[in-house]
Protein backbone atom coordinates (compact mmCIF):
# COMPACT_ATOMS: atom_id res chain seq x y z
CA MET A 1 23.66 106.94 86.16
CA SER A 2 24.66 104.98 89.18
CA PRO A 3 26.42 101.47 88.68
CA LYS A 4 23.67 99.72 90.37
CA LYS A 5 21.29 101.05 87.89
CA GLN A 6 23.57 100.06 85.17
CA ASP A 7 23.23 96.51 86.41
CA ARG A 8 20.06 95.69 85.39
CA ARG A 9 19.64 92.34 84.17
CA ILE A 10 19.58 92.29 80.10
CA THR A 11 18.24 89.51 78.22
CA PRO A 12 19.81 89.07 74.89
CA THR A 13 18.55 87.23 71.80
CA ARG A 14 20.37 84.13 70.67
CA VAL A 15 23.15 85.02 68.52
CA SER A 16 23.84 83.00 65.05
CA LYS A 17 26.85 81.18 64.80
CA ARG A 18 27.74 83.47 61.49
CA ALA A 19 27.14 86.74 63.46
CA TYR A 20 29.16 85.34 66.39
CA GLU A 21 31.92 84.38 64.53
CA LYS A 22 31.78 87.55 62.73
CA ASP A 23 31.77 90.08 65.85
CA LEU A 24 34.01 87.80 67.62
CA ARG A 25 36.75 88.33 65.37
CA LYS A 26 36.56 91.90 65.27
CA LEU A 27 36.35 92.32 69.20
CA GLN A 28 39.30 90.06 69.31
CA ILE A 29 41.44 92.32 67.17
CA GLU A 30 40.06 95.16 69.30
CA LEU A 31 41.56 93.22 72.33
CA VAL A 32 45.03 92.64 70.99
CA SER A 33 45.05 96.63 69.90
CA MET A 34 44.13 96.90 73.78
CA GLN A 35 46.72 94.80 75.10
CA GLN A 36 49.50 96.86 73.24
CA TRP A 37 48.57 100.10 74.57
CA VAL A 38 48.53 98.44 78.18
CA ILE A 39 51.94 97.19 77.60
CA ALA A 40 52.93 100.47 76.34
CA THR A 41 51.72 102.56 79.11
CA GLY A 42 52.41 100.12 81.71
CA THR A 43 48.43 99.96 82.87
CA ARG A 44 47.66 96.96 85.23
CA VAL A 45 44.30 95.47 84.31
CA LEU A 46 42.27 92.66 86.68
CA VAL A 47 39.17 91.01 85.81
CA ILE A 48 37.22 89.23 88.14
CA PHE A 49 34.92 86.23 86.20
CA GLU A 50 32.44 85.08 89.30
CA GLY A 51 28.70 83.63 88.64
CA ARG A 52 27.31 79.94 89.45
CA ASP A 53 28.91 76.57 88.32
CA ALA A 54 28.31 76.16 84.57
CA ALA A 55 27.75 79.74 84.05
CA GLY A 56 29.89 80.21 81.01
CA LYS A 57 32.92 81.94 82.89
CA GLY A 58 35.79 79.37 81.46
CA GLY A 59 34.33 79.75 77.56
CA ALA A 60 34.58 83.71 77.90
CA ILE A 61 37.99 83.76 79.40
CA LYS A 62 39.12 81.27 76.97
CA ARG A 63 37.71 83.85 74.01
CA VAL A 64 39.34 86.96 75.63
CA MET A 65 42.80 85.34 76.19
CA GLN A 66 42.70 83.51 72.81
CA TYR A 67 44.92 85.85 70.87
CA LEU A 68 46.45 87.78 73.67
CA ASN A 69 50.26 87.90 74.43
CA PRO A 70 50.64 85.42 76.86
CA ARG A 71 53.73 87.07 78.42
CA HIS A 72 51.52 89.96 79.17
CA ALA A 73 48.19 88.50 80.14
CA ARG A 74 47.41 85.24 82.14
CA VAL A 75 44.69 83.60 83.78
CA VAL A 76 44.54 83.06 87.42
CA ALA A 77 42.86 79.87 88.83
CA LEU A 78 43.75 78.85 92.23
CA PRO A 79 43.31 75.65 93.67
CA GLN A 80 42.04 74.86 97.45
CA PRO A 81 44.66 76.40 99.61
CA THR A 82 47.30 74.54 101.12
CA GLU A 83 47.35 74.12 105.11
CA ARG A 84 50.28 76.80 104.83
CA GLU A 85 47.92 78.95 103.17
CA LYS A 86 45.00 78.84 105.19
CA GLY A 87 47.20 80.40 107.86
CA GLN A 88 47.78 83.29 105.91
CA TRP A 89 45.58 86.69 105.79
CA TYR A 90 42.80 85.60 103.58
CA PHE A 91 43.81 87.76 100.76
CA GLN A 92 47.37 87.04 100.84
CA ARG A 93 47.78 83.96 98.26
CA TYR A 94 45.30 86.64 95.67
CA ILE A 95 47.31 89.51 96.32
CA GLU A 96 50.40 87.75 94.86
CA LYS A 97 48.87 86.98 91.85
CA LEU A 98 47.84 90.77 91.01
CA PRO A 99 48.68 92.27 87.72
CA THR A 100 52.38 94.24 87.24
CA ALA A 101 52.80 97.12 84.64
CA GLY A 102 51.73 96.46 81.50
CA GLU A 103 50.01 93.32 82.22
CA ILE A 104 46.11 92.04 82.27
CA VAL A 105 45.04 89.11 84.65
CA LEU A 106 41.90 87.35 84.42
CA MET A 107 40.75 85.86 87.55
CA ASP A 108 38.55 82.60 86.80
CA ARG A 109 37.23 82.68 90.49
CA SER A 110 38.44 85.00 92.86
CA TRP A 111 38.58 86.18 96.86
CA TYR A 112 34.60 85.90 96.29
CA ASN A 113 35.13 82.25 97.13
CA ARG A 114 34.52 83.21 100.65
CA ALA A 115 31.49 84.74 99.93
CA GLY A 116 29.95 82.03 97.62
CA VAL A 117 30.58 78.39 97.89
CA GLU A 118 32.47 78.69 101.12
CA ARG A 119 29.82 80.52 102.57
CA VAL A 120 27.07 78.21 101.56
CA MET A 121 28.99 74.86 101.94
CA GLY A 122 30.17 75.80 105.50
CA TYR A 123 33.75 75.98 104.36
CA CYS A 124 34.47 79.28 106.52
CA THR A 125 33.13 80.25 109.90
CA ASP A 126 30.60 83.31 110.53
CA GLU A 127 33.50 85.24 111.88
CA GLN A 128 35.60 84.53 108.87
CA TYR A 129 32.70 85.65 106.59
CA GLU A 130 31.90 88.81 108.24
CA ARG A 131 35.45 89.96 108.28
CA PHE A 132 35.56 89.19 104.56
CA LEU A 133 32.92 91.60 103.71
CA GLN A 134 34.30 93.98 106.12
CA GLN A 135 37.75 93.88 104.11
CA VAL A 136 36.82 93.60 100.68
CA PRO A 137 35.49 96.89 99.72
CA VAL A 138 38.61 98.14 101.76
CA VAL A 139 40.92 96.04 99.46
CA GLU A 140 39.50 96.70 96.26
CA LYS A 141 39.42 100.38 97.10
CA MET A 142 42.92 100.40 97.42
CA LEU A 143 43.61 98.46 94.00
CA VAL A 144 41.52 101.04 92.45
CA ASP A 145 43.32 104.09 94.19
CA ASP A 146 46.81 102.60 93.06
CA GLY A 147 45.72 103.06 89.66
CA ILE A 148 44.12 99.14 88.88
CA ILE A 149 41.42 98.74 86.45
CA LEU A 150 39.38 96.45 88.15
CA LEU A 151 36.71 94.91 86.46
CA LYS A 152 34.14 92.23 88.26
CA TYR A 153 31.82 90.37 86.11
CA TRP A 154 28.94 88.04 87.36
CA TYR A 155 27.68 85.48 85.13
CA SER A 156 24.00 84.70 85.74
CA VAL A 157 22.57 81.41 84.11
CA SER A 158 19.33 80.20 84.96
CA ASP A 159 18.28 77.17 86.70
CA THR A 160 17.50 75.10 83.96
CA GLU A 161 20.07 76.14 81.56
CA GLN A 162 22.38 75.14 84.52
CA GLU A 163 21.05 71.77 84.74
CA LYS A 164 21.45 71.21 81.00
CA ARG A 165 25.24 72.03 81.13
CA PHE A 166 25.77 69.76 83.66
CA HIS A 167 24.13 66.54 82.11
CA SER A 168 26.18 67.76 78.93
CA ARG A 169 29.29 67.29 80.83
CA LEU A 170 28.14 64.09 82.23
CA ASP A 171 27.98 62.63 78.66
CA ASP A 172 31.55 64.45 77.53
CA PRO A 173 34.72 62.81 78.22
CA MET A 174 36.65 66.11 77.54
CA ARG A 175 34.49 67.98 80.04
CA ARG A 176 33.64 65.21 82.67
CA TRP A 177 36.26 66.53 85.25
CA LYS A 178 34.20 69.80 85.37
CA LEU A 179 31.65 67.93 87.10
CA SER A 180 32.41 67.90 90.52
CA ASP A 181 30.41 67.14 93.81
CA THR A 182 30.13 70.66 94.49
CA ASP A 183 28.59 71.45 91.25
CA LEU A 184 25.82 68.66 91.88
CA LEU A 185 25.43 70.24 95.44
CA SER A 186 24.68 73.62 93.66
CA ILE A 187 21.75 72.21 91.99
CA THR A 188 20.21 71.26 95.58
CA ARG A 189 21.34 74.62 97.06
CA TRP A 190 20.26 76.99 94.34
CA GLU A 191 18.29 79.38 96.73
CA ASP A 192 21.02 79.51 99.27
CA TYR A 193 23.65 80.35 96.54
CA SER A 194 20.80 83.33 95.48
CA ARG A 195 20.69 84.26 99.10
CA ALA A 196 24.65 84.37 99.47
CA LYS A 197 25.01 86.24 95.99
CA ASP A 198 22.46 88.99 97.09
CA ALA A 199 24.13 89.72 100.22
CA MET A 200 27.42 89.73 98.63
CA PHE A 201 26.29 92.37 96.01
CA GLU A 202 24.73 94.49 98.89
CA VAL A 203 28.32 95.28 100.37
CA THR A 204 30.60 94.95 97.40
CA ASP A 205 28.80 96.62 94.71
CA GLN A 206 30.66 99.98 95.25
CA ALA A 207 31.17 103.05 92.83
CA ASP A 208 34.60 102.30 92.47
CA ALA A 209 34.41 98.46 91.96
CA PRO A 210 30.95 97.93 90.51
CA TRP A 211 29.78 94.46 89.82
CA TRP A 212 28.70 93.92 86.19
CA THR A 213 25.99 91.19 85.67
CA ILE A 214 26.38 89.32 82.19
CA THR A 215 22.90 87.10 81.37
CA SER A 216 24.93 83.82 80.04
CA ASP A 217 22.04 81.52 79.15
CA ASP A 218 23.33 82.11 75.47
CA LYS A 219 27.00 81.58 75.74
CA LYS A 220 27.92 83.15 72.35
CA ALA A 221 26.20 86.65 73.54
CA ALA A 222 27.58 86.29 76.98
CA ARG A 223 31.21 86.29 75.19
CA LEU A 224 30.52 88.96 72.93
CA ASN A 225 29.04 91.06 75.65
CA THR A 226 32.04 90.43 77.75
CA ILE A 227 34.65 91.56 75.22
CA SER A 228 32.78 94.28 74.11
CA HIS A 229 32.43 95.99 77.75
CA LEU A 230 35.95 95.09 78.67
CA LEU A 231 36.98 97.18 75.93
CA SER A 232 34.62 99.97 76.67
CA GLN A 233 36.19 100.03 80.19
CA VAL A 234 39.93 100.17 79.14
CA PRO A 235 40.71 103.92 77.95
CA TYR A 236 43.19 102.69 75.30
CA ASP A 237 44.25 104.45 72.30
CA HIS A 238 45.10 102.62 68.93
CA LEU A 239 48.82 102.51 68.66
CA GLU A 240 50.62 102.32 65.24
CA PRO A 241 52.33 99.03 64.76
CA GLU A 242 56.28 99.32 64.30
CA GLU A 243 57.44 99.11 60.69
CA VAL A 244 58.46 95.34 59.68
CA HIS A 245 61.42 94.73 57.47
CA PHE A 246 61.71 91.10 56.38
CA PRO A 247 65.47 90.57 55.73
CA ASP A 248 66.90 88.57 52.87
CA ARG A 249 67.51 85.12 53.31
CA PRO A 250 70.77 84.07 52.73
CA ALA A 251 72.13 81.78 50.07
CA PRO A 252 72.87 78.10 51.45
CA THR A 253 76.50 77.36 51.64
CA GLY A 254 76.20 73.96 51.00
CA ALA A 255 77.28 72.57 54.47
CA ALA A 256 76.73 68.78 55.18
CA ARG A 257 73.88 67.97 57.64
CA PRO A 258 73.39 64.71 59.20
CA PRO A 259 71.34 62.22 56.98
CA MET A 260 67.59 62.53 57.84
CA ASP A 261 67.43 58.72 58.72
CA GLU A 262 69.18 59.33 61.37
CA HIS A 263 66.40 61.59 63.17
CA ARG A 264 63.29 60.12 65.20
CA PHE A 265 60.12 61.14 63.64
CA VAL A 266 56.72 60.99 65.12
CA PRO A 267 54.62 58.42 63.36
CA ASP A 268 52.28 60.06 60.95
CA HIS A 269 49.05 59.35 62.41
CA ALA A 270 47.52 62.04 60.22
CA ALA A 271 48.36 59.90 57.06
CA THR A 272 45.93 57.27 58.41
CA LEU A 273 42.68 59.65 58.41
């Protein structure tokens, strides 16, 4: 079956909190096992997370990363390019962030900014956009041919759910920073973003680097579906952990230590609760 036929939209049922937490734990244990295989074999894994604003990419990335060894897994979320970077080949600053042997890299948005927000908001020229569409299938084929496991996820959220999430950010002091002017403009440019996404898929949904669509109105379901699918795309084996022998703690020698009252302790805020 071709990747395009496999990408058919699936509307998951709402997942209960209890079922979500139980399955998430199982999947995260598998992620840790998968990472051990990636490290041992020197495999390189690159996962691209794309989609509309407030589609749930960040929450999915957080759950993937939660228990992974950060020495061998990292999130790449690049800011706007500097003046120097604007003078580089478009892919250059992304290429620098690719995984090395035994590493997993999760891209929170990627080079597809050019086909999305840059195209819709007019941040790139028509010539730059057309050149990107010509080059990106070639670049991704080179990555895959070199042995990198490349996964591309598109988070699909409905217009009503997106607006609901925007409003929730407005009243949340810990997430207010997520509500940017570009986010708000995406409400009025919904159809433009839809056309840009369709045009991007038409060119970049290739057999060797397909797009996988994740319906994300239900965040819990989207996270579980992401991790489950990611695991299915990495041909890992379960490795037996090395046996651990805890040493005996040596008996105290009775050596004198500085008095405790000479140390500065953080005030016990917790005791006031």
